[in-house]
């Protein structure tokens, strides 16, 4: 089991990184960091779909 304080430090770091990615408009980085945060927090992983429910192709970014 990981020490909760160490895990919390990683979550804080990822939250900051997510905020930076969003501020810079980097949707791919934001998506990756968001998924990592969810996994660390034990949340279910959502399928990789676009806003209309269509599967995304690798590297496909919708603006």
C-alpha atoms as a PDB file:
ATOM      1  CA  UNK A   1       0.000   0.000   0.000  1.00  0.00           C
ATOM      2  CA  UNK A   2       1.263   3.472  -0.894  1.00  0.00           C
ATOM      3  CA  UNK A   3       1.646   6.002   1.897  1.00  0.00           C
ATOM      4  CA  UNK A   4      -1.438   8.291   1.635  1.00  0.00           C
ATOM      5  CA  UNK A   5       0.657  11.444   2.044  1.00  0.00           C
ATOM      6  CA  UNK A   6       2.880  10.424  -0.874  1.00  0.00           C
ATOM      7  CA  UNK A   7      -0.149   9.612  -2.993  1.00  0.00           C
ATOM      8  CA  UNK A   8      -1.678  12.989  -2.079  1.00  0.00           C
ATOM      9  CA  UNK A   9       1.511  14.744  -3.196  1.00  0.00           C
ATOM     10  CA  UNK A  10       1.317  13.008  -6.587  1.00  0.00           C
ATOM     11  CA  UNK A  11      -2.372  13.930  -6.940  1.00  0.00           C
ATOM     12  CA  UNK A  12      -1.586  17.583  -6.176  1.00  0.00           C
ATOM     13  CA  UNK A  13       1.225  17.576  -8.735  1.00  0.00           C
ATOM     14  CA  UNK A  14      -1.039  16.061 -11.390  1.00  0.00           C
ATOM     15  CA  UNK A  15      -3.799  18.559 -10.593  1.00  0.00           C
ATOM     16  CA  UNK A  16      -1.348  21.404 -11.178  1.00  0.00           C
ATOM     17  CA  UNK A  17      -0.206  19.793 -14.417  1.00  0.00           C
ATOM     18  CA  UNK A  18      -3.816  19.366 -15.527  1.00  0.00           C
ATOM     19  CA  UNK A  19      -4.494  23.028 -14.836  1.00  0.00           C
ATOM     20  CA  UNK A  20      -1.459  24.043 -16.896  1.00  0.00           C
ATOM     21  CA  UNK A  21      -2.443  21.782 -19.790  1.00  0.00           C
ATOM     22  CA  UNK A  22      -5.936  23.280 -19.859  1.00  0.00           C
ATOM     23  CA  UNK A  23      -4.576  26.839 -19.654  1.00  0.00           C
ATOM     24  CA  UNK A  24      -2.273  26.092 -22.592  1.00  0.00           C
ATOM     25  CA  UNK A  25      -5.080  24.486 -24.577  1.00  0.00           C
ATOM     26  CA  UNK A  26      -3.315  21.106 -24.761  1.00  0.00           C
ATOM     27  CA  UNK A  27      -6.297  18.780 -24.945  1.00  0.00           C
ATOM     28  CA  UNK A  28      -4.261  15.601 -25.332  1.00  0.00           C
ATOM     29  CA  UNK A  29      -2.126  16.291 -22.257  1.00  0.00           C
ATOM     30  CA  UNK A  30      -5.209  17.297 -20.269  1.00  0.00           C
ATOM     31  CA  UNK A  31      -6.961  14.051 -21.216  1.00  0.00           C
ATOM     32  CA  UNK A  32      -3.953  11.913 -20.246  1.00  0.00           C
ATOM     33  CA  UNK A  33      -3.442  13.663 -16.902  1.00  0.00           C
ATOM     34  CA  UNK A  34      -7.169  13.556 -16.165  1.00  0.00           C
ATOM     35  CA  UNK A  35      -7.190   9.792 -16.731  1.00  0.00           C
ATOM     36  CA  UNK A  36      -4.122   9.354 -14.511  1.00  0.00           C
ATOM     37  CA  UNK A  37      -5.807  11.310 -11.719  1.00  0.00           C
ATOM     38  CA  UNK A  38      -8.911   9.159 -12.005  1.00  0.00           C
ATOM     39  CA  UNK A  39      -6.865   5.960 -11.815  1.00  0.00           C
ATOM     40  CA  UNK A  40      -4.958   7.177  -8.753  1.00  0.00           C
ATOM     41  CA  UNK A  41      -8.229   8.055  -7.058  1.00  0.00           C
ATOM     42  CA  UNK A  42      -9.722   4.676  -7.944  1.00  0.00           C
ATOM     43  CA  UNK A  43     -12.374   6.023 -10.298  1.00  0.00           C
ATOM     44  CA  UNK A  44     -13.647   3.923 -13.196  1.00  0.00           C
ATOM     45  CA  UNK A  45     -11.953   4.618 -16.524  1.00  0.00           C
ATOM     46  CA  UNK A  46     -14.309   6.031 -19.154  1.00  0.00           C
ATOM     47  CA  UNK A  47     -14.176   4.639 -22.668  1.00  0.00           C
ATOM     48  CA  UNK A  48     -12.239   6.763 -25.138  1.00  0.00           C
ATOM     49  CA  UNK A  49     -15.115   8.379 -27.033  1.00  0.00           C
ATOM     50  CA  UNK A  50     -15.777  11.819 -28.470  1.00  0.00           C
ATOM     51  CA  UNK A  51     -18.651  14.117 -27.485  1.00  0.00           C
ATOM     52  CA  UNK A  52     -21.030  12.236 -29.771  1.00  0.00           C
ATOM     53  CA  UNK A  53     -20.151   8.820 -28.379  1.00  0.00           C
ATOM     54  CA  UNK A  54     -18.022   7.794 -31.356  1.00  0.00           C
ATOM     55  CA  UNK A  55     -14.755   5.962 -30.623  1.00  0.00           C
ATOM     56  CA  UNK A  56     -11.704   8.181 -31.079  1.00  0.00           C
ATOM     57  CA  UNK A  57      -8.900   7.238 -33.373  1.00  0.00           C
ATOM     58  CA  UNK A  58      -5.391   7.315 -31.949  1.00  0.00           C
ATOM     59  CA  UNK A  59      -4.231  10.943 -31.909  1.00  0.00           C
ATOM     60  CA  UNK A  60      -7.672  12.253 -32.899  1.00  0.00           C
ATOM     61  CA  UNK A  61      -8.342  15.591 -31.191  1.00  0.00           C
ATOM     62  CA  UNK A  62     -11.597  17.457 -31.677  1.00  0.00           C
ATOM     63  CA  UNK A  63     -11.687  21.225 -31.202  1.00  0.00           C
END
